[in-house]
Amino acid sequence: MPKNFIGMIPDEALKIIQTNYPSVSCSIRTYLPPKYKMDRNSNVTFRIVRQKQTGDNQLEFIISPFIHNE
């Protein structure tokens, strides 16, 4: 099974999986904290915060937003 992808941007992780592990399929779910507010001018990056093997050659990623204050 693939390496640990926690902390990575989902697109980067998916590229690695498609290139190095073509038989592995992934599902992505988004977690937003209960009081989550996003300003339209905020610079937001989604990152993988949890990785779980859900079956043979199946991964589930939980992604969450990280706001960059400038």
C-alpha atoms as a PDB file:
ATOM      1  CA  MET A   1       0.000   0.000   0.000  1.00  0.00           C
ATOM      2  CA  PRO A   2       1.243   3.557  -0.678  1.00  0.00           C
ATOM      3  CA  LYS A   3       3.135   5.726   1.745  1.00  0.00           C
ATOM      4  CA  ASN A   4       1.719   8.217   4.210  1.00  0.00           C
ATOM      5  CA  PHE A   5       0.177  11.209   2.426  1.00  0.00           C
ATOM      6  CA  ILE A   6      -0.855  13.200   5.533  1.00  0.00           C
ATOM      7  CA  GLY A   7      -0.014  16.883   5.183  1.00  0.00           C
ATOM      8  CA  MET A   8       0.075  16.787   1.392  1.00  0.00           C
ATOM      9  CA  ILE A   9      -2.108  18.725  -1.011  1.00  0.00           C
ATOM     10  CA  PRO A  10      -4.670  16.259  -2.457  1.00  0.00           C
ATOM     11  CA  ASP A  11      -3.673  16.869  -6.100  1.00  0.00           C
ATOM     12  CA  GLU A  12      -0.052  16.006  -5.329  1.00  0.00           C
ATOM     13  CA  ALA A  13      -1.036  12.802  -3.534  1.00  0.00           C
ATOM     14  CA  LEU A  14      -3.340  11.741  -6.374  1.00  0.00           C
ATOM     15  CA  LYS A  15      -0.580  12.274  -8.952  1.00  0.00           C
ATOM     16  CA  ILE A  16       1.791  10.080  -6.942  1.00  0.00           C
ATOM     17  CA  ILE A  17      -0.842   7.370  -6.583  1.00  0.00           C
ATOM     18  CA  GLN A  18      -1.775   7.426 -10.280  1.00  0.00           C
ATOM     19  CA  THR A  19       1.887   7.249 -11.309  1.00  0.00           C
ATOM     20  CA  ASN A  20       3.283   4.773  -8.773  1.00  0.00           C
ATOM     21  CA  TYR A  21       0.216   2.808  -7.642  1.00  0.00           C
ATOM     22  CA  PRO A  22      -2.198   2.601 -10.615  1.00  0.00           C
ATOM     23  CA  SER A  23      -4.246  -0.191  -9.009  1.00  0.00           C
ATOM     24  CA  VAL A  24      -5.079   1.917  -5.936  1.00  0.00           C
ATOM     25  CA  SER A  25      -8.308   3.925  -5.938  1.00  0.00           C
ATOM     26  CA  CYS A  26      -8.976   6.902  -3.673  1.00  0.00           C
ATOM     27  CA  SER A  27     -11.966   8.681  -2.256  1.00  0.00           C
ATOM     28  CA  ILE A  28     -11.761  12.163  -0.792  1.00  0.00           C
ATOM     29  CA  ARG A  29     -14.014  13.592   1.898  1.00  0.00           C
ATOM     30  CA  THR A  30     -13.888  17.152   3.214  1.00  0.00           C
ATOM     31  CA  TYR A  31     -13.989  18.024   6.893  1.00  0.00           C
ATOM     32  CA  LEU A  32     -14.964  21.565   7.848  1.00  0.00           C
ATOM     33  CA  PRO A  33     -14.876  22.563  11.538  1.00  0.00           C
ATOM     34  CA  PRO A  34     -18.324  23.453  12.949  1.00  0.00           C
ATOM     35  CA  LYS A  35     -17.602  27.168  13.158  1.00  0.00           C
ATOM     36  CA  TYR A  36     -15.712  27.344   9.908  1.00  0.00           C
ATOM     37  CA  LYS A  37     -15.809  30.737   8.211  1.00  0.00           C
ATOM     38  CA  MET A  38     -13.882  31.546   5.097  1.00  0.00           C
ATOM     39  CA  ASP A  39     -13.332  35.129   4.025  1.00  0.00           C
ATOM     40  CA  ARG A  40     -13.481  35.541   0.261  1.00  0.00           C
ATOM     41  CA  ASN A  41     -10.035  37.127   0.344  1.00  0.00           C
ATOM     42  CA  SER A  42      -8.480  34.311   2.373  1.00  0.00           C
ATOM     43  CA  ASN A  43      -5.793  32.186   0.832  1.00  0.00           C
ATOM     44  CA  VAL A  44      -6.967  28.625   1.551  1.00  0.00           C
ATOM     45  CA  THR A  45      -5.094  25.390   0.943  1.00  0.00           C
ATOM     46  CA  PHE A  46      -6.706  22.004   1.462  1.00  0.00           C
ATOM     47  CA  ARG A  47      -4.447  19.332   2.922  1.00  0.00           C
ATOM     48  CA  ILE A  48      -4.846  15.683   3.785  1.00  0.00           C
ATOM     49  CA  VAL A  49      -5.409  15.351   7.532  1.00  0.00           C
ATOM     50  CA  ARG A  50      -6.357  11.676   7.684  1.00  0.00           C
ATOM     51  CA  GLN A  51      -5.610   8.636   5.565  1.00  0.00           C
ATOM     52  CA  LYS A  52      -7.388   5.326   5.939  1.00  0.00           C
ATOM     53  CA  GLN A  53      -7.248   2.064   4.040  1.00  0.00           C
ATOM     54  CA  THR A  54     -10.881   1.138   3.335  1.00  0.00           C
ATOM     55  CA  GLY A  55     -10.329  -2.084   1.421  1.00  0.00           C
ATOM     56  CA  ASP A  56      -7.935  -3.874  -0.889  1.00  0.00           C
ATOM     57  CA  ASN A  57      -6.217  -1.164  -2.932  1.00  0.00           C
ATOM     58  CA  GLN A  58      -8.596   1.522  -1.647  1.00  0.00           C
ATOM     59  CA  LEU A  59      -7.691   4.646   0.309  1.00  0.00           C
ATOM     60  CA  GLU A  60      -9.858   7.312   1.845  1.00  0.00           C
ATOM     61  CA  PHE A  61      -8.465  10.795   2.422  1.00  0.00           C
ATOM     62  CA  ILE A  62     -10.041  13.358   4.724  1.00  0.00           C
ATOM     63  CA  ILE A  63      -9.045  16.871   3.693  1.00  0.00           C
ATOM     64  CA  SER A  64      -9.448  20.085   5.647  1.00  0.00           C
ATOM     65  CA  PRO A  65      -8.852  23.756   4.805  1.00  0.00           C
ATOM     66  CA  PHE A  66      -5.861  25.666   6.120  1.00  0.00           C
ATOM     67  CA  ILE A  67      -6.138  29.458   5.911  1.00  0.00           C
ATOM     68  CA  HIS A  68      -3.017  31.483   5.203  1.00  0.00           C
ATOM     69  CA  ASN A  69      -3.187  34.877   6.841  1.00  0.00           C
ATOM     70  CA  GLU A  70      -1.083  37.500   5.154  1.00  0.00           C
END
